[in-house]
């Protein structure tokens, strides 16, 4: 059975594709998660995250933009942007502990993103207000 970390990693992959302009990926989310062996509760979890980010992407991007100290949102790499979007969605809408979400984002960025990403993630995500 997949872990929540694996489910999040799959969501980041889906968001990455979406960010690169493959908006049609929304139609294939079920199949992609199934291929990655994300099933049952973890599949529901992943679907909720993916759909939640897509539904709230404009407000999530506004959060990112408002906390950038230099450059714009287009200067952020697609993988890093996908991780940020997922983490911000979870911080604002999931009710999970912010520290756990930030730690998970940092660990995923160490695995998937550029070398400077973990520090960048930590700094930006720490500024996000829990609603």
Protein backbone atom coordinates (compact mmCIF):
# COMPACT_ATOMS: atom_id res chain seq x y z
CA UNK A 1 0.00 0.00 0.00
CA UNK A 2 1.26 3.46 -0.89
CA UNK A 3 2.18 5.98 1.78
CA UNK A 4 0.97 9.55 1.97
CA UNK A 5 4.44 10.64 0.87
CA UNK A 6 4.13 8.51 -2.27
CA UNK A 7 0.66 9.92 -2.88
CA UNK A 8 2.04 13.47 -2.55
CA UNK A 9 4.91 12.63 -4.88
CA UNK A 10 2.39 11.44 -7.49
CA UNK A 11 0.35 14.62 -7.05
CA UNK A 12 3.50 16.68 -7.60
CA UNK A 13 4.07 14.80 -10.86
CA UNK A 14 0.51 15.54 -11.95
CA UNK A 15 0.83 19.20 -10.98
CA UNK A 16 4.14 19.38 -12.82
CA UNK A 17 2.48 18.16 -16.02
CA UNK A 18 -0.40 20.58 -15.47
CA UNK A 19 2.06 23.46 -14.90
CA UNK A 20 3.80 22.67 -18.19
CA UNK A 21 0.51 23.20 -20.01
CA UNK A 22 -0.91 19.68 -20.05
CA UNK A 23 -4.26 20.70 -18.58
CA UNK A 24 -5.84 17.63 -20.19
CA UNK A 25 -4.08 15.51 -17.59
CA UNK A 26 -7.10 16.13 -15.36
CA UNK A 27 -8.97 13.51 -17.41
CA UNK A 28 -6.33 10.84 -16.71
CA UNK A 29 -5.61 11.32 -13.01
CA UNK A 30 -7.36 8.08 -11.98
CA UNK A 31 -5.37 6.01 -14.47
CA UNK A 32 -2.07 7.65 -13.58
CA UNK A 33 -2.57 7.07 -9.86
CA UNK A 34 -3.55 3.46 -10.55
CA UNK A 35 -0.38 2.97 -12.62
CA UNK A 36 1.66 4.27 -9.68
CA UNK A 37 -0.18 1.84 -7.37
CA UNK A 38 -1.82 4.68 -5.44
CA UNK A 39 -5.07 3.04 -4.40
CA UNK A 40 -7.92 3.11 -1.89
CA UNK A 41 -7.49 5.69 0.90
CA UNK A 42 -4.25 7.03 -0.53
CA UNK A 43 -5.91 7.47 -3.93
CA UNK A 44 -8.75 9.43 -2.32
CA UNK A 45 -6.13 11.48 -0.48
CA UNK A 46 -4.18 12.16 -3.70
CA UNK A 47 -7.30 13.01 -5.69
CA UNK A 48 -8.42 15.41 -2.98
CA UNK A 49 -5.04 17.13 -3.01
CA UNK A 50 -4.78 17.37 -6.79
CA UNK A 51 -8.34 18.59 -7.29
CA UNK A 52 -8.03 21.00 -4.37
CA UNK A 53 -4.87 22.57 -5.78
CA UNK A 54 -6.41 22.89 -9.27
CA UNK A 55 -9.60 24.45 -7.88
CA UNK A 56 -7.63 26.95 -5.78
CA UNK A 57 -4.61 27.48 -8.01
CA UNK A 58 -5.18 31.22 -8.49
CA UNK A 59 -5.37 31.98 -4.77
CA UNK A 60 -2.41 29.63 -4.10
CA UNK A 61 -0.35 31.45 -6.73
CA UNK A 62 -1.29 34.77 -5.13
CA UNK A 63 0.09 33.44 -1.84
CA UNK A 64 3.34 32.50 -3.57
CA UNK A 65 3.62 35.90 -5.30
CA UNK A 66 2.94 37.82 -2.11
CA UNK A 67 5.81 36.10 -0.28
CA UNK A 68 8.49 36.23 -2.98
CA UNK A 69 11.32 38.58 -2.05
CA UNK A 70 12.89 38.61 -5.51
CA UNK A 71 11.83 37.51 -8.95
CA UNK A 72 8.36 36.46 -9.96
CA UNK A 73 6.38 33.24 -9.90
CA UNK A 74 7.52 32.48 -13.46
CA UNK A 75 11.12 32.40 -12.21
CA UNK A 76 10.35 29.40 -9.99
CA UNK A 77 11.07 26.00 -11.54
CA UNK A 78 8.07 23.87 -12.46
CA UNK A 79 8.90 21.13 -9.93
CA UNK A 80 9.45 23.63 -7.15
CA UNK A 81 6.23 25.45 -8.08
CA UNK A 82 4.31 22.17 -7.97
CA UNK A 83 5.68 21.33 -4.51
CA UNK A 84 4.87 24.85 -3.26
CA UNK A 85 1.33 24.71 -4.62
CA UNK A 86 0.68 21.39 -2.94
CA UNK A 87 2.16 22.48 0.39
CA UNK A 88 0.32 25.81 0.42
CA UNK A 89 -2.93 24.06 -0.38
CA UNK A 90 -2.37 21.70 2.54
CA UNK A 91 -1.38 24.49 4.94
CA UNK A 92 -4.45 26.58 4.12
CA UNK A 93 -7.12 23.95 3.52
CA UNK A 94 -6.21 20.60 5.09
CA UNK A 95 -6.06 21.30 8.79
CA UNK A 96 -2.83 19.29 9.10
CA UNK A 97 -0.04 20.65 11.27
CA UNK A 98 1.90 23.29 9.35
CA UNK A 99 5.28 22.01 10.57
CA UNK A 100 4.54 18.52 9.23
CA UNK A 101 3.51 19.91 5.84
CA UNK A 102 6.62 22.09 5.60
CA UNK A 103 8.86 19.17 6.56
CA UNK A 104 7.23 16.97 3.93
CA UNK A 105 7.67 19.69 1.27
CA UNK A 106 11.34 20.06 2.20
CA UNK A 107 11.92 16.30 1.99
CA UNK A 108 10.14 16.08 -1.36
CA UNK A 109 12.15 19.04 -2.67
CA UNK A 110 15.40 17.32 -1.61
CA UNK A 111 14.35 14.31 -3.66
CA UNK A 112 12.74 15.99 -6.68
CA UNK A 113 13.95 19.57 -7.03
CA UNK A 114 17.11 21.67 -7.34
CA UNK A 115 19.76 21.95 -4.63
CA UNK A 116 18.59 25.33 -3.33
CA UNK A 117 14.93 24.31 -3.24
CA UNK A 118 14.70 23.02 0.37
CA UNK A 119 15.90 26.32 1.84
CA UNK A 120 13.66 28.31 -0.52
CA UNK A 121 10.64 26.12 0.35
CA UNK A 122 11.23 26.46 4.07
CA UNK A 123 11.51 30.25 3.91
CA UNK A 124 8.44 30.78 1.76
CA UNK A 125 6.17 28.19 3.38
CA UNK A 126 6.97 29.48 6.85
CA UNK A 127 5.36 32.81 5.85
CA UNK A 128 2.04 31.20 4.84
CA UNK A 129 -0.75 31.90 7.30
CA UNK A 130 -2.96 29.04 8.45
CA UNK A 131 -6.62 29.94 7.95
